[in-house]
Amino acid sequence: MIERSFEIDIEEHMGFVRVLMGRGEPTGELAQFLSATLAQWIDQHPELRILAVVPINRDGDTVELHAWFEQRS
């Protein structure tokens, strides 16, 4: 049995973060892995407040998540 693996990348920018697939091929629905990765990133940054999250779709599948945030006051 061949086990497939893949990576999820996180790119932090000024005011937004991108969660996207890196190398490899997912064994299940990618959107679930992207969402879990974003949730983990949010937990690691309690000083930030998420303003909006937008899924990026290709051929009907979610392939990236973009999330905008601001510093909590």
N, C-alpha and C. Protein backbone atom coordinates (compact mmCIF):
# COMPACT_ATOMS: atom_id res chain seq x y z
N MET A 1 0.83 -1.17 0.00
CA MET A 1 0.00 0.00 0.00
C MET A 1 0.88 1.24 0.00
N ILE A 2 0.59 2.16 -0.90
CA ILE A 2 1.34 3.40 -1.00
C ILE A 2 0.59 4.49 -0.24
N GLU A 3 1.28 5.13 0.69
CA GLU A 3 0.66 6.21 1.46
C GLU A 3 1.07 7.54 0.84
N ARG A 4 0.07 8.33 0.47
CA ARG A 4 0.35 9.64 -0.10
C ARG A 4 0.46 10.66 1.03
N SER A 5 1.32 11.65 0.81
CA SER A 5 1.45 12.71 1.81
C SER A 5 1.47 14.05 1.10
N PHE A 6 1.24 15.09 1.87
CA PHE A 6 1.23 16.43 1.31
C PHE A 6 1.55 17.44 2.40
N GLU A 7 1.82 18.65 2.00
CA GLU A 7 2.13 19.73 2.92
C GLU A 7 1.10 20.84 2.76
N ILE A 8 0.82 21.51 3.87
CA ILE A 8 -0.01 22.71 3.84
C ILE A 8 0.92 23.88 4.18
N ASP A 9 0.93 24.89 3.34
CA ASP A 9 1.77 26.07 3.56
C ASP A 9 0.93 27.22 4.11
N ILE A 10 1.57 28.04 4.91
CA ILE A 10 0.95 29.26 5.43
C ILE A 10 1.84 30.43 5.04
N GLU A 11 1.25 31.41 4.37
CA GLU A 11 1.97 32.62 4.00
C GLU A 11 1.34 33.79 4.74
N GLU A 12 2.13 34.41 5.62
CA GLU A 12 1.64 35.57 6.37
C GLU A 12 2.05 36.85 5.65
N HIS A 13 1.09 37.73 5.49
CA HIS A 13 1.31 39.02 4.85
C HIS A 13 0.79 40.11 5.78
N MET A 14 0.96 41.35 5.40
CA MET A 14 0.46 42.46 6.21
C MET A 14 -1.07 42.46 6.18
N GLY A 15 -1.69 42.01 7.26
CA GLY A 15 -3.13 42.05 7.36
C GLY A 15 -3.89 40.85 6.83
N PHE A 16 -3.19 39.90 6.22
CA PHE A 16 -3.89 38.70 5.78
C PHE A 16 -2.95 37.51 5.76
N VAL A 17 -3.54 36.34 5.75
CA VAL A 17 -2.79 35.09 5.73
C VAL A 17 -3.40 34.19 4.65
N ARG A 18 -2.53 33.45 3.96
CA ARG A 18 -2.97 32.47 2.95
C ARG A 18 -2.64 31.08 3.46
N VAL A 19 -3.60 30.18 3.36
CA VAL A 19 -3.39 28.78 3.69
C VAL A 19 -3.61 28.01 2.40
N LEU A 20 -2.58 27.30 1.93
CA LEU A 20 -2.67 26.63 0.65
C LEU A 20 -1.87 25.34 0.65
N MET A 21 -2.15 24.51 -0.31
CA MET A 21 -1.44 23.25 -0.41
C MET A 21 -0.04 23.48 -0.96
N GLY A 22 0.92 22.83 -0.31
CA GLY A 22 2.29 22.85 -0.79
C GLY A 22 2.51 21.66 -1.71
N ARG A 23 3.52 20.89 -1.42
CA ARG A 23 3.81 19.72 -2.23
C ARG A 23 2.97 18.51 -1.84
N GLY A 24 2.80 17.62 -2.77
CA GLY A 24 2.12 16.37 -2.49
C GLY A 24 0.70 16.34 -3.01
N GLU A 25 0.02 15.27 -2.62
CA GLU A 25 -1.36 15.05 -3.04
C GLU A 25 -2.18 14.61 -1.84
N PRO A 26 -3.26 15.32 -1.51
CA PRO A 26 -4.04 14.93 -0.34
C PRO A 26 -4.77 13.62 -0.55
N THR A 27 -5.00 12.90 0.55
CA THR A 27 -5.72 11.63 0.47
C THR A 27 -7.21 11.84 0.69
N GLY A 28 -7.61 13.02 1.11
CA GLY A 28 -9.02 13.32 1.35
C GLY A 28 -9.34 14.70 0.80
N GLU A 29 -10.44 15.24 1.25
CA GLU A 29 -10.84 16.55 0.78
C GLU A 29 -9.91 17.62 1.36
N LEU A 30 -9.30 18.40 0.50
CA LEU A 30 -8.31 19.39 0.89
C LEU A 30 -8.90 20.48 1.78
N ALA A 31 -10.14 20.87 1.57
CA ALA A 31 -10.75 21.95 2.34
C ALA A 31 -10.71 21.68 3.84
N GLN A 32 -10.91 20.46 4.25
CA GLN A 32 -10.87 20.12 5.68
C GLN A 32 -9.48 20.35 6.26
N PHE A 33 -8.45 20.00 5.52
CA PHE A 33 -7.08 20.18 5.99
C PHE A 33 -6.72 21.67 6.04
N LEU A 34 -7.17 22.42 5.04
CA LEU A 34 -6.92 23.86 5.03
C LEU A 34 -7.60 24.52 6.22
N SER A 35 -8.84 24.17 6.47
CA SER A 35 -9.60 24.73 7.58
C SER A 35 -8.96 24.41 8.93
N ALA A 36 -8.53 23.19 9.11
CA ALA A 36 -7.88 22.79 10.36
C ALA A 36 -6.57 23.54 10.57
N THR A 37 -5.83 23.75 9.49
CA THR A 37 -4.58 24.49 9.58
C THR A 37 -4.82 25.95 9.93
N LEU A 38 -5.84 26.55 9.32
CA LEU A 38 -6.18 27.93 9.64
C LEU A 38 -6.63 28.05 11.10
N ALA A 39 -7.43 27.11 11.58
CA ALA A 39 -7.88 27.13 12.97
C ALA A 39 -6.69 27.04 13.93
N GLN A 40 -5.73 26.22 13.60
CA GLN A 40 -4.53 26.09 14.42
C GLN A 40 -3.73 27.40 14.42
N TRP A 41 -3.62 28.04 13.26
CA TRP A 41 -2.90 29.32 13.15
C TRP A 41 -3.60 30.38 14.00
N ILE A 42 -4.93 30.41 13.97
CA ILE A 42 -5.70 31.37 14.75
C ILE A 42 -5.45 31.14 16.24
N ASP A 43 -5.44 29.89 16.68
CA ASP A 43 -5.17 29.57 18.09
C ASP A 43 -3.79 30.04 18.52
N GLN A 44 -2.84 30.02 17.60
CA GLN A 44 -1.46 30.43 17.91
C GLN A 44 -1.28 31.95 17.90
N HIS A 45 -2.30 32.69 17.47
CA HIS A 45 -2.22 34.14 17.38
C HIS A 45 -3.43 34.78 18.08
N PRO A 46 -3.53 34.65 19.41
CA PRO A 46 -4.70 35.17 20.12
C PRO A 46 -4.79 36.70 20.10
N GLU A 47 -3.71 37.36 19.75
CA GLU A 47 -3.71 38.83 19.68
C GLU A 47 -4.37 39.36 18.41
N LEU A 48 -4.72 38.46 17.50
CA LEU A 48 -5.33 38.86 16.24
C LEU A 48 -6.82 38.50 16.21
N ARG A 49 -7.58 39.29 15.50
CA ARG A 49 -9.01 39.02 15.31
C ARG A 49 -9.25 38.83 13.81
N ILE A 50 -9.86 37.72 13.46
CA ILE A 50 -10.16 37.43 12.06
C ILE A 50 -11.36 38.27 11.62
N LEU A 51 -11.20 38.96 10.49
CA LEU A 51 -12.27 39.79 9.95
C LEU A 51 -13.09 39.06 8.89
N ALA A 52 -12.41 38.29 8.06
CA ALA A 52 -13.09 37.58 6.97
C ALA A 52 -12.21 36.43 6.49
N VAL A 53 -12.86 35.38 6.02
CA VAL A 53 -12.17 34.24 5.41
C VAL A 53 -12.86 33.97 4.09
N VAL A 54 -12.06 33.84 3.04
CA VAL A 54 -12.60 33.59 1.70
C VAL A 54 -11.96 32.32 1.14
N PRO A 55 -12.78 31.36 0.71
CA PRO A 55 -12.21 30.17 0.06
C PRO A 55 -11.91 30.48 -1.40
N ILE A 56 -10.80 29.96 -1.87
CA ILE A 56 -10.43 30.07 -3.28
C ILE A 56 -10.69 28.70 -3.90
N ASN A 57 -11.52 28.67 -4.93
CA ASN A 57 -11.94 27.40 -5.54
C ASN A 57 -11.40 27.26 -6.96
N ARG A 58 -11.07 26.03 -7.31
CA ARG A 58 -10.70 25.67 -8.68
C ARG A 58 -11.45 24.39 -9.04
N ASP A 59 -12.16 24.44 -10.12
CA ASP A 59 -12.92 23.28 -10.58
C ASP A 59 -13.86 22.74 -9.50
N GLY A 60 -14.43 23.64 -8.71
CA GLY A 60 -15.38 23.25 -7.68
C GLY A 60 -14.79 22.79 -6.37
N ASP A 61 -13.45 22.77 -6.26
CA ASP A 61 -12.78 22.33 -5.04
C ASP A 61 -12.08 23.51 -4.38
N THR A 62 -12.14 23.59 -3.05
CA THR A 62 -11.42 24.62 -2.31
C THR A 62 -9.95 24.26 -2.30
N VAL A 63 -9.10 25.18 -2.78
CA VAL A 63 -7.66 24.91 -2.87
C VAL A 63 -6.83 25.87 -2.01
N GLU A 64 -7.45 26.96 -1.53
CA GLU A 64 -6.77 27.92 -0.67
C GLU A 64 -7.80 28.58 0.22
N LEU A 65 -7.32 29.11 1.35
CA LEU A 65 -8.13 29.98 2.20
C LEU A 65 -7.35 31.27 2.40
N HIS A 66 -8.02 32.40 2.24
CA HIS A 66 -7.43 33.70 2.53
C HIS A 66 -8.18 34.27 3.73
N ALA A 67 -7.46 34.71 4.74
CA ALA A 67 -8.08 35.26 5.94
C ALA A 67 -7.47 36.62 6.25
N TRP A 68 -8.35 37.62 6.43
CA TRP A 68 -7.91 38.96 6.79
C TRP A 68 -8.06 39.13 8.30
N PHE A 69 -7.10 39.81 8.91
CA PHE A 69 -7.12 39.97 10.36
C PHE A 69 -6.67 41.37 10.77
N GLU A 70 -6.94 41.68 12.03
CA GLU A 70 -6.47 42.94 12.61
C GLU A 70 -6.01 42.66 14.03
N GLN A 71 -5.19 43.56 14.55
CA GLN A 71 -4.70 43.46 15.92
C GLN A 71 -5.85 43.76 16.88
N ARG A 72 -6.00 42.93 17.91
CA ARG A 72 -7.02 43.22 18.92
C ARG A 72 -6.59 44.44 19.72
N SER A 73 -7.55 45.26 20.09
CA SER A 73 -7.21 46.45 20.87
C SER A 73 -7.33 46.21 22.36
